[in-house]
Amino acid sequence: MKQFRCPTCRERVLFERERCRKCGTDLMFDPRQSMMRALSAPCANRALIGCNWIAGDGGALCACCELTRTIPDLGSARNVILWKKVEQAKRRLLYDLDRLGLPTVFARGPGLEQGPHLAFDILSEETAGHPIMTGHADGLITLNLAEADDAEREARRIALREGYRTLLGHVRHEVGHFYWDMLVAQSNWTIPFRAVFGDERADYQLALAAYHDRADRTFDPKGFISEYATSHPWEDWAETFAHFLHIVSTLDSAASLPLALGERARHTLADPYLESDFEALLWSWTPLADSLNELNRSVGQSEAYPFELSPAVKGKLHFVHMVIARFRNGRRRTAAPHAAADELTAAASSW
C-alpha cells in the first residue's frame, strides 16, 4: 500500500503503526481520509489487540472491528495474540476493498439501507474443543484462529502441498466468495463467467469431496492459478480474486519505493486499484514479481509469489478486473445482457 506519514513530524510510518518512532506521536488510521492522524477517537480494541483505526461515527469500534461478529475466547492469552494478527490482516483487506470501491454492505433495493453484508466469526479450536473449518456462507466468513499461528499454518501448507498459504491470502480468498455472490451472481456476468471459469451449478459439496479424495494431486498450471482452484468454479474465482488483490496491493506498495520506473509504470502505479488498463497492470506486475522472488531466494527464503500467470490465468484475472471496474463505474444494473460477453470476447483476443 501507499506510504503514510506521521501528522506531526512527517516521518514515514507503517500502516499498522500505533506510534511514531521518531517523535512519539500516538497514531490512528482514518479510513475515511486514508491517512494517519494524531490519536483522538481510538477504536475500543486498541488497548486489547493494538487496533490503530479510528472509531466509527457514534460507535466504540472501528469500521473493521465492527465486522467481527464473534471473537475467540479471550481466556486464552494465545487466542488474544492470534486474534490481533487476524484483525491486522482484516484491516489490510478492508483497505483493499475501499481502494477498489467495493462496499462491505449491499442494498437490497431502493430505499433499503442494508442488505447482504460482510461479517466474521473468528473461532479457536483450542477453546472450542472441536475442529473449526475456515469458510463462508452468505457473507459470513468463519476463520480458524490457527491460520494466524505461523507454525501451524506452515505445517498445513506442507501437508496440503501448497506453494503459498498466508493469513492475508485466506481472508482475501474468503471475501472473494462474497463478491462473487454480489457482483457476478446478481448480474449479467454469469454466462461469461461460465465460459471462463466453468459452470458453478455443479454440486459444490460433491466437488469439494472429490477434490479432497484425489490420490493424484497434480494439476494443470496452465489453466488454474492453484491446485485448489481446480476443485470448483467458485473456488477458482475466489483464488483468482485473491490474487488480483495481491497484485494491485503489491503494485501500490511498489509505487512508494525508490525504484527506477518508466513512464508507463509511473502512470500505472499512480493508483493500481483503479487502473483501467489490465495489460498495464500485468506489464508492471511481471518484472516486480520476478524481482521479489529473486530477492527472497537471495536471503534464503521461499518465493514470495510462487505462481505462473499462464494466458488462461491472465484471462481469469482480467475477468475479475472487468467485473470490479464495471461495478465501480455504476454500469452493473444497466448493462445490456450481451454487453459483458462482448467485452469479454474483445479482451480474450489479447490473452
Protein backbone atom coordinates (compact mmCIF):
# COMPACT_ATOMS: atom_id res chain seq x y z
CA MET A 1 0.00 0.00 0.00
CA LYS A 2 0.99 3.63 -0.27
CA GLN A 3 3.24 5.29 2.28
CA PHE A 4 1.78 7.04 5.28
CA ARG A 5 3.28 9.92 7.21
CA CYS A 6 3.21 10.98 10.84
CA PRO A 7 0.92 14.04 11.06
CA THR A 8 3.37 15.70 13.45
CA CYS A 9 6.86 15.18 12.06
CA ARG A 10 6.07 13.71 8.60
CA GLU A 11 8.20 10.63 9.27
CA ARG A 12 7.19 7.59 7.23
CA VAL A 13 5.05 5.23 9.34
CA LEU A 14 3.78 1.75 8.60
CA PHE A 15 0.08 1.00 8.17
CA GLU A 16 -0.06 -0.97 11.43
CA ARG A 17 1.90 1.57 13.49
CA GLU A 18 0.35 2.89 16.73
CA ARG A 19 3.11 5.39 17.49
CA CYS A 20 5.65 7.36 15.51
CA ARG A 21 9.10 6.04 16.30
CA LYS A 22 10.68 9.41 15.61
CA CYS A 23 8.56 11.91 17.56
CA GLY A 24 6.43 9.63 19.73
CA THR A 25 3.04 10.85 18.47
CA ASP A 26 0.27 8.33 19.17
CA LEU A 27 -1.28 7.48 15.82
CA MET A 28 -4.52 6.20 14.41
CA PHE A 29 -5.57 5.44 10.86
CA ASP A 30 -8.60 7.24 9.45
CA PRO A 31 -10.03 5.02 6.68
CA ARG A 32 -12.40 7.75 5.51
CA GLN A 33 -9.47 10.02 4.64
CA SER A 34 -6.95 7.21 4.11
CA MET A 35 -4.38 8.94 6.29
CA MET A 36 -2.72 8.78 9.69
CA ARG A 37 -3.96 11.16 12.38
CA ALA A 38 -2.93 12.02 15.90
CA LEU A 39 -4.83 9.92 18.42
CA SER A 40 -8.26 11.34 19.29
CA ALA A 41 -11.06 8.76 18.98
CA PRO A 42 -9.42 5.31 19.16
CA CYS A 43 -11.13 2.02 18.47
CA ALA A 44 -12.15 0.28 21.69
CA ASN A 45 -9.91 -2.65 20.71
CA ARG A 46 -6.76 -0.53 20.67
CA ALA A 47 -5.56 -1.48 24.16
CA LEU A 48 -6.54 -5.14 23.79
CA ILE A 49 -5.23 -6.05 20.34
CA GLY A 50 -3.47 -2.93 19.12
CA CYS A 51 -6.12 -1.78 16.65
CA ASN A 52 -4.87 1.56 15.34
CA TRP A 53 -8.02 2.62 13.45
CA ILE A 54 -10.32 5.47 14.40
CA ALA A 55 -13.66 4.56 15.97
CA GLY A 56 -16.72 4.79 13.74
CA ASP A 57 -19.25 7.60 13.98
CA GLY A 58 -21.07 7.21 17.28
CA GLY A 59 -19.57 3.79 17.98
CA ALA A 60 -16.80 2.37 20.11
CA LEU A 61 -15.33 0.12 17.43
CA CYS A 62 -13.70 0.97 14.12
CA ALA A 63 -15.21 0.00 10.78
CA CYS A 64 -13.02 -3.11 10.63
CA CYS A 65 -13.59 -4.43 14.15
CA GLU A 66 -17.33 -3.84 13.74
CA LEU A 67 -17.37 -6.55 11.07
CA THR A 68 -16.27 -9.18 13.61
CA ARG A 69 -19.44 -10.83 14.83
CA THR A 70 -17.77 -13.42 17.05
CA ILE A 71 -14.35 -13.11 18.71
CA PRO A 72 -12.33 -16.02 20.13
CA ASP A 73 -12.39 -16.92 23.82
CA LEU A 74 -10.21 -14.28 25.48
CA GLY A 75 -9.50 -16.54 28.45
CA SER A 76 -6.54 -17.82 26.43
CA ALA A 77 -3.55 -15.48 26.06
CA ARG A 78 -2.66 -17.31 22.83
CA ASN A 79 -6.09 -16.54 21.42
CA VAL A 80 -5.61 -12.82 22.07
CA ILE A 81 -2.24 -12.82 20.30
CA LEU A 82 -3.61 -14.66 17.28
CA TRP A 83 -6.79 -12.58 17.14
CA LYS A 84 -4.59 -9.49 16.91
CA LYS A 85 -2.94 -10.98 13.78
CA VAL A 86 -6.33 -11.77 12.23
CA GLU A 87 -7.57 -8.22 12.74
CA GLN A 88 -4.35 -6.85 11.23
CA ALA A 89 -5.00 -8.93 8.11
CA LYS A 90 -8.63 -7.79 8.05
CA ARG A 91 -7.59 -4.14 8.18
CA ARG A 92 -5.40 -4.64 5.10
CA LEU A 93 -8.31 -6.41 3.43
CA LEU A 94 -10.68 -3.53 4.21
CA TYR A 95 -8.12 -1.09 2.86
CA ASP A 96 -8.00 -3.10 -0.40
CA LEU A 97 -11.79 -3.14 -0.73
CA ASP A 98 -12.08 0.58 -0.08
CA ARG A 99 -9.41 1.40 -2.67
CA LEU A 100 -11.21 -0.84 -5.20
CA GLY A 101 -14.53 0.86 -4.50
CA LEU A 102 -16.17 -2.33 -3.24
CA PRO A 103 -18.69 -1.92 -0.40
CA THR A 104 -18.98 -4.30 2.55
CA VAL A 105 -22.77 -3.79 2.60
CA PHE A 106 -25.10 -4.09 -0.39
CA ALA A 107 -28.58 -2.56 -0.51
CA ARG A 108 -31.42 -4.97 -1.19
CA GLY A 109 -33.31 -2.38 -3.20
CA PRO A 110 -34.25 1.29 -3.47
CA GLY A 111 -34.77 2.86 -0.07
CA LEU A 112 -33.39 -0.09 1.87
CA GLU A 113 -30.34 0.72 3.95
CA GLN A 114 -28.76 -2.70 4.34
CA GLY A 115 -28.80 -5.97 2.51
CA PRO A 116 -26.13 -8.67 2.33
CA HIS A 117 -23.04 -7.66 4.25
CA LEU A 118 -19.67 -8.97 5.34
CA ALA A 119 -19.23 -10.36 8.84
CA PHE A 120 -16.61 -12.52 10.52
CA ASP A 121 -16.69 -15.30 13.12
CA ILE A 122 -13.17 -15.80 14.47
CA LEU A 123 -13.05 -19.11 16.34
CA SER A 124 -10.43 -21.16 18.15
CA GLU A 125 -10.18 -24.94 18.13
CA GLU A 126 -8.16 -24.71 21.34
CA THR A 127 -11.10 -23.38 23.34
CA ALA A 128 -13.98 -24.71 21.21
CA GLY A 129 -12.83 -28.30 21.61
CA HIS A 130 -13.72 -29.27 18.04
CA PRO A 131 -12.37 -28.62 14.53
CA ILE A 132 -13.09 -25.20 13.03
CA MET A 133 -13.36 -25.01 9.26
CA THR A 134 -12.50 -21.75 7.56
CA GLY A 135 -15.30 -20.98 5.14
CA HIS A 136 -18.07 -18.65 4.03
CA ALA A 137 -21.86 -18.50 3.96
CA ASP A 138 -23.84 -15.55 2.61
CA GLY A 139 -21.23 -13.01 3.61
CA LEU A 140 -20.38 -14.58 6.99
CA ILE A 141 -16.75 -15.66 6.95
CA THR A 142 -15.61 -18.16 9.56
CA LEU A 143 -11.89 -18.08 10.28
CA ASN A 144 -9.99 -20.76 12.15
CA LEU A 145 -7.70 -18.87 14.52
CA ALA A 146 -5.00 -21.48 13.89
CA GLU A 147 -4.39 -19.86 10.49
CA ALA A 148 -2.83 -16.94 12.39
CA ASP A 149 -0.25 -19.26 14.00
CA ASP A 150 2.77 -19.27 11.70
CA ALA A 151 3.95 -22.75 12.72
CA GLU A 152 0.54 -24.39 12.35
CA ARG A 153 -0.17 -22.65 9.06
CA GLU A 154 3.19 -23.74 7.65
CA ALA A 155 2.55 -27.32 8.74
CA ARG A 156 -0.79 -27.27 6.96
CA ARG A 157 0.79 -25.72 3.87
CA ILE A 158 3.30 -28.56 3.65
CA ALA A 159 0.73 -31.26 4.45
CA LEU A 160 -1.57 -29.95 1.72
CA ARG A 161 1.34 -29.42 -0.68
CA GLU A 162 0.50 -25.77 -1.20
CA GLY A 163 3.10 -23.39 -2.57
CA TYR A 164 1.54 -20.44 -0.80
CA ARG A 165 -0.56 -20.12 2.35
CA THR A 166 -0.83 -16.85 4.28
CA LEU A 167 -3.36 -15.32 6.65
CA LEU A 168 -3.91 -12.32 4.37
CA GLY A 169 -4.32 -14.67 1.42
CA HIS A 170 -7.00 -16.55 3.37
CA VAL A 171 -9.13 -13.50 4.09
CA ARG A 172 -8.75 -12.23 0.53
CA HIS A 173 -9.85 -15.64 -0.77
CA GLU A 174 -12.86 -15.96 1.52
CA VAL A 175 -14.11 -12.46 0.81
CA GLY A 176 -13.93 -13.33 -2.87
CA HIS A 177 -16.89 -15.67 -2.38
CA PHE A 178 -18.97 -12.78 -1.04
CA TYR A 179 -18.17 -10.65 -4.07
CA TRP A 180 -18.99 -13.48 -6.45
CA ASP A 181 -22.47 -13.53 -4.92
CA MET A 182 -22.80 -9.76 -5.11
CA LEU A 183 -21.05 -8.91 -8.38
CA VAL A 184 -21.48 -11.97 -10.58
CA ALA A 185 -24.49 -13.99 -9.41
CA GLN A 186 -26.60 -10.84 -9.18
CA SER A 187 -25.63 -9.55 -12.62
CA ASN A 188 -25.33 -10.34 -16.31
CA TRP A 189 -21.85 -11.75 -15.81
CA THR A 190 -22.98 -15.34 -15.13
CA ILE A 191 -22.86 -16.58 -18.73
CA PRO A 192 -19.39 -15.17 -19.49
CA PHE A 193 -18.30 -16.41 -16.05
CA ARG A 194 -19.18 -19.96 -17.04
CA ALA A 195 -17.27 -19.56 -20.30
CA VAL A 196 -14.12 -18.61 -18.35
CA PHE A 197 -14.33 -20.49 -15.04
CA GLY A 198 -16.79 -23.31 -15.71
CA ASP A 199 -20.36 -24.00 -14.60
CA GLU A 200 -20.81 -23.06 -10.95
CA ARG A 201 -24.08 -25.01 -10.85
CA ALA A 202 -22.07 -28.21 -10.39
CA ASP A 203 -22.70 -29.61 -6.89
CA TYR A 204 -20.31 -27.73 -4.62
CA GLN A 205 -20.10 -30.23 -1.76
CA LEU A 206 -19.60 -33.18 -4.10
CA ALA A 207 -16.90 -31.26 -5.97
CA LEU A 208 -15.01 -30.47 -2.75
CA ALA A 209 -15.31 -34.06 -1.54
CA ALA A 210 -13.93 -35.30 -4.86
CA TYR A 211 -11.09 -32.81 -4.66
CA HIS A 212 -10.03 -33.91 -1.18
CA ASP A 213 -10.30 -37.58 -2.16
CA ARG A 214 -7.92 -37.22 -5.09
CA ALA A 215 -4.93 -39.51 -4.97
CA ASP A 216 -3.16 -37.62 -7.74
CA ARG A 217 -2.52 -34.05 -6.53
CA THR A 218 -1.03 -32.79 -9.77
CA PHE A 219 -2.93 -30.20 -11.80
CA ASP A 220 -2.52 -28.18 -14.97
CA PRO A 221 -0.95 -24.81 -14.02
CA LYS A 222 -1.76 -23.53 -17.50
CA GLY A 223 -5.44 -23.46 -16.62
CA PHE A 224 -5.51 -22.63 -12.90
CA ILE A 225 -3.66 -20.33 -10.52
CA SER A 226 -3.52 -23.06 -7.84
CA GLU A 227 -4.47 -26.67 -7.25
CA TYR A 228 -7.38 -25.65 -5.01
CA ALA A 229 -8.77 -23.56 -7.86
CA THR A 230 -9.43 -26.83 -9.73
CA SER A 231 -11.96 -28.02 -7.15
CA HIS A 232 -14.95 -25.93 -8.29
CA PRO A 233 -15.56 -22.74 -10.33
CA TRP A 234 -16.44 -20.84 -7.13
CA GLU A 235 -13.05 -21.71 -5.66
CA ASP A 236 -11.34 -20.84 -8.93
CA TRP A 237 -12.97 -17.41 -8.78
CA ALA A 238 -12.03 -16.92 -5.09
CA GLU A 239 -8.41 -17.91 -5.72
CA THR A 240 -8.24 -15.57 -8.72
CA PHE A 241 -9.94 -12.73 -6.83
CA ALA A 242 -7.38 -13.08 -4.01
CA HIS A 243 -4.52 -13.00 -6.50
CA PHE A 244 -5.90 -9.88 -8.14
CA LEU A 245 -5.82 -8.21 -4.71
CA HIS A 246 -2.26 -9.47 -4.19
CA ILE A 247 -1.23 -7.84 -7.45
CA VAL A 248 -2.81 -4.41 -7.05
CA SER A 249 -1.80 -4.15 -3.38
CA THR A 250 1.83 -5.04 -4.11
CA LEU A 251 1.97 -2.65 -7.07
CA ASP A 252 0.60 0.06 -4.81
CA SER A 253 3.45 -0.60 -2.39
CA ALA A 254 5.98 -0.55 -5.22
CA ALA A 255 4.83 2.93 -6.17
CA SER A 256 6.16 4.22 -2.84
CA LEU A 257 9.56 2.55 -3.12
CA PRO A 258 12.76 4.12 -4.50
CA LEU A 259 12.58 2.26 -7.79
CA ALA A 260 13.53 3.38 -11.28
CA LEU A 261 10.24 3.41 -13.19
CA GLY A 262 9.45 4.05 -16.82
CA GLU A 263 6.68 6.42 -17.88
CA ARG A 264 4.14 3.63 -18.36
CA ALA A 265 4.89 2.15 -14.92
CA ARG A 266 4.63 5.55 -13.24
CA HIS A 267 1.21 6.06 -14.79
CA THR A 268 0.00 2.57 -13.85
CA LEU A 269 1.31 2.74 -10.30
CA ALA A 270 -0.33 6.12 -9.67
CA ASP A 271 -3.30 4.03 -8.49
CA PRO A 272 -3.18 0.33 -9.40
CA TYR A 273 -6.53 -0.27 -7.68
CA LEU A 274 -8.27 1.99 -10.19
CA GLU A 275 -6.11 1.29 -13.26
CA SER A 276 -8.41 0.69 -16.23
CA ASP A 277 -5.73 -0.89 -18.43
CA PHE A 278 -5.37 -4.50 -17.33
CA GLU A 279 -2.41 -5.11 -19.64
CA ALA A 280 -0.60 -2.21 -17.99
CA LEU A 281 -1.11 -3.86 -14.61
CA LEU A 282 0.42 -7.12 -15.85
CA TRP A 283 3.22 -5.24 -17.61
CA SER A 284 4.19 -3.74 -14.25
CA TRP A 285 3.48 -6.85 -12.19
CA THR A 286 5.53 -9.45 -14.04
CA PRO A 287 9.01 -7.92 -13.51
CA LEU A 288 8.10 -6.94 -9.95
CA ALA A 289 7.02 -10.50 -9.04
CA ASP A 290 10.20 -11.91 -10.61
CA SER A 291 12.29 -9.42 -8.63
CA LEU A 292 10.53 -10.25 -5.36
CA ASN A 293 11.20 -13.94 -5.89
CA GLU A 294 14.87 -13.36 -6.69
CA LEU A 295 15.29 -11.15 -3.59
CA ASN A 296 13.71 -13.82 -1.40
CA ARG A 297 15.96 -16.51 -2.81
CA SER A 298 18.97 -14.29 -2.09
CA VAL A 299 18.24 -14.30 1.63
CA GLY A 300 17.31 -17.99 1.77
CA GLN A 301 13.54 -17.56 1.78
CA SER A 302 10.88 -19.23 -0.31
CA GLU A 303 9.50 -17.40 -3.31
CA ALA A 304 7.26 -14.50 -2.37
CA TYR A 305 4.94 -15.24 -5.30
CA PRO A 306 5.31 -18.89 -6.40
CA PHE A 307 2.85 -18.74 -9.28
CA GLU A 308 2.98 -18.58 -13.05
CA LEU A 309 0.43 -16.50 -14.90
CA SER A 310 -0.49 -18.50 -17.98
CA PRO A 311 -2.64 -16.93 -20.72
CA ALA A 312 -5.73 -18.69 -19.27
CA VAL A 313 -5.00 -17.44 -15.76
CA LYS A 314 -4.39 -13.94 -17.08
CA GLY A 315 -7.80 -14.16 -18.72
CA LYS A 316 -9.40 -15.06 -15.40
CA LEU A 317 -7.63 -12.19 -13.67
CA HIS A 318 -8.81 -9.89 -16.44
CA PHE A 319 -12.37 -11.11 -15.85
CA VAL A 320 -12.10 -10.17 -12.15
CA HIS A 321 -10.70 -6.78 -13.14
CA MET A 322 -13.59 -6.16 -15.56
CA VAL A 323 -16.28 -7.17 -13.06
CA ILE A 324 -14.90 -4.88 -10.36
CA ALA A 325 -14.43 -1.98 -12.79
CA ARG A 326 -17.92 -2.38 -14.23
CA PHE A 327 -19.44 -2.34 -10.76
CA ARG A 328 -17.37 0.63 -9.69
CA ASN A 329 -18.37 2.58 -12.76
CA GLY A 330 -22.02 2.06 -11.95
CA ARG A 331 -22.93 0.09 -15.08
CA ARG A 332 -23.78 -3.24 -13.46
CA ARG A 333 -27.55 -2.80 -13.31
CA THR A 334 -27.94 -1.02 -16.64
CA ALA A 335 -25.68 -3.14 -18.83
CA ALA A 336 -27.41 -4.97 -21.66
CA PRO A 337 -27.33 -8.77 -21.29
CA HIS A 338 -24.86 -9.14 -24.15
CA ALA A 339 -22.53 -6.30 -23.12
CA ALA A 340 -20.47 -8.33 -20.68
CA ALA A 341 -19.99 -11.12 -23.20
CA ASP A 342 -18.96 -8.65 -25.90
CA GLU A 343 -16.41 -7.00 -23.61
CA LEU A 344 -15.07 -10.38 -22.54
CA THR A 345 -14.73 -11.54 -26.15
CA ALA A 346 -12.79 -8.42 -27.06
CA ALA A 347 -10.49 -8.85 -24.08
CA ALA A 348 -9.93 -12.54 -24.79
CA SER A 349 -8.25 -11.71 -28.08
CA SER A 350 -5.24 -10.44 -26.11
CA TRP A 351 -4.92 -13.45 -23.73
